[in-house]
Amino acid sequence: MPMCGFNQKMLDALTDFSKGLFEQILKRAKKESISLEKAMEIEVEELNIFLALNSEKYHDSLRPKYDVKKSMEKLIEWSAYDAESEVKKNLALHLNAVGEK
């Protein structure tokens, strides 16, 4: 049972990632004539470097900018704006259809 909310797409992505990692390990082992264990160590180390660099690069843009209360207020505000825009769009379509008759 997953520790977070279950989402099939997340599971599929992890499965695909695992397959890709395994394929890359096999490719590296063959290309460099090294053991699978050594190829796996190299791949995992390179992944760690990649994650560390991206963590530093995107830290400010990915970190939460608002507390929970402010985030919920913004979500409600954005949802209300989207709903208002949809109502206005549908009203304009209806008025145009009536005007064409």
Protein backbone atom coordinates (compact mmCIF):
# COMPACT_ATOMS: atom_id res chain seq x y z
CA MET A 1 0.00 0.00 0.00
CA PRO A 2 1.45 3.40 -0.95
CA MET A 3 2.38 5.85 1.76
CA CYS A 4 1.01 8.79 -0.25
CA GLY A 5 -2.21 9.21 -2.20
CA PHE A 6 -2.34 6.55 -4.90
CA ASN A 7 -2.27 7.68 -8.48
CA GLN A 8 -1.88 5.13 -11.29
CA LYS A 9 0.05 7.61 -13.45
CA MET A 10 2.63 8.03 -10.67
CA LEU A 11 3.04 4.26 -10.43
CA ASP A 12 3.32 3.97 -14.22
CA ALA A 13 5.97 6.71 -14.29
CA LEU A 14 8.01 4.98 -11.59
CA THR A 15 7.75 1.70 -13.48
CA ASP A 16 8.90 3.37 -16.70
CA PHE A 17 11.72 5.12 -14.85
CA SER A 18 12.87 1.82 -13.35
CA LYS A 19 12.84 0.15 -16.76
CA GLY A 20 14.83 3.02 -18.26
CA LEU A 21 17.35 2.93 -15.44
CA PHE A 22 17.80 -0.83 -15.84
CA GLU A 23 18.28 -0.45 -19.61
CA GLN A 24 20.87 2.27 -19.03
CA ILE A 25 22.71 0.10 -16.51
CA LEU A 26 22.87 -2.76 -19.02
CA LYS A 27 24.01 -0.39 -21.78
CA ARG A 28 26.76 1.13 -19.62
CA ALA A 29 27.97 -2.26 -18.38
CA LYS A 30 28.28 -3.54 -21.94
CA LYS A 31 29.81 -0.36 -23.39
CA GLU A 32 32.39 0.05 -20.62
CA SER A 33 32.92 -3.69 -20.01
CA ILE A 34 32.13 -3.36 -16.32
CA SER A 35 29.94 -5.35 -13.94
CA LEU A 36 26.26 -4.59 -13.56
CA GLU A 37 26.91 -3.63 -9.94
CA LYS A 38 29.55 -1.07 -10.95
CA ALA A 39 27.34 0.29 -13.74
CA MET A 40 24.48 0.65 -11.26
CA GLU A 41 26.73 2.52 -8.79
CA ILE A 42 27.75 4.94 -11.54
CA GLU A 43 24.19 5.49 -12.75
CA VAL A 44 22.86 6.09 -9.24
CA GLU A 45 25.71 8.48 -8.46
CA GLU A 46 25.01 10.42 -11.66
CA LEU A 47 21.31 10.57 -10.73
CA ASN A 48 22.25 11.93 -7.30
CA ILE A 49 24.41 14.62 -8.90
CA PHE A 50 21.58 15.51 -11.31
CA LEU A 51 19.05 15.75 -8.48
CA ALA A 52 21.37 17.85 -6.32
CA LEU A 53 22.07 20.30 -9.14
CA ASN A 54 18.39 20.62 -10.01
CA SER A 55 17.44 20.96 -6.37
CA GLU A 56 19.76 23.95 -6.04
CA LYS A 57 18.72 25.44 -9.40
CA TYR A 58 14.97 25.19 -8.82
CA HIS A 59 14.80 25.49 -5.04
CA ASP A 60 13.30 28.98 -5.04
CA SER A 61 10.73 28.23 -7.73
CA LEU A 62 9.67 24.87 -6.25
CA ARG A 63 9.55 25.71 -2.56
CA PRO A 64 6.16 26.62 -1.12
CA LYS A 65 5.59 30.36 -1.34
CA TYR A 66 2.47 30.53 0.80
CA ASP A 67 1.23 28.95 3.99
CA VAL A 68 -1.73 26.58 3.79
CA LYS A 69 -4.32 29.28 4.51
CA LYS A 70 -2.99 31.63 1.83
CA SER A 71 -2.68 28.75 -0.67
CA MET A 72 -6.33 27.81 -0.13
CA GLU A 73 -7.42 31.43 -0.49
CA LYS A 74 -5.56 31.68 -3.80
CA LEU A 75 -7.04 28.38 -5.00
CA ILE A 76 -10.55 29.62 -4.23
CA GLU A 77 -9.79 32.97 -5.89
CA TRP A 78 -8.45 31.28 -9.04
CA SER A 79 -11.37 28.84 -9.17
CA ALA A 80 -13.87 31.67 -8.80
CA TYR A 81 -12.11 33.60 -11.57
CA ASP A 82 -12.19 30.55 -13.86
CA ALA A 83 -15.89 29.99 -13.11
CA GLU A 84 -16.70 33.66 -13.75
CA SER A 85 -14.80 33.56 -17.05
CA GLU A 86 -16.66 30.41 -18.10
CA VAL A 87 -20.04 32.00 -17.28
CA LYS A 88 -19.15 35.13 -19.27
CA LYS A 89 -17.98 33.05 -22.23
CA ASN A 90 -21.17 30.94 -22.23
CA LEU A 91 -23.34 34.06 -21.92
CA ALA A 92 -21.59 35.68 -24.88
CA LEU A 93 -22.04 32.52 -26.95
CA HIS A 94 -25.74 32.41 -26.03
CA LEU A 95 -26.25 36.10 -26.86
CA ASN A 96 -24.49 35.66 -30.19
CA ALA A 97 -26.67 32.65 -30.99
CA VAL A 98 -29.85 34.58 -30.09
CA GLY A 99 -28.69 37.58 -32.13
CA GLU A 100 -28.10 35.39 -35.20
CA LYS A 101 -31.72 34.10 -35.17
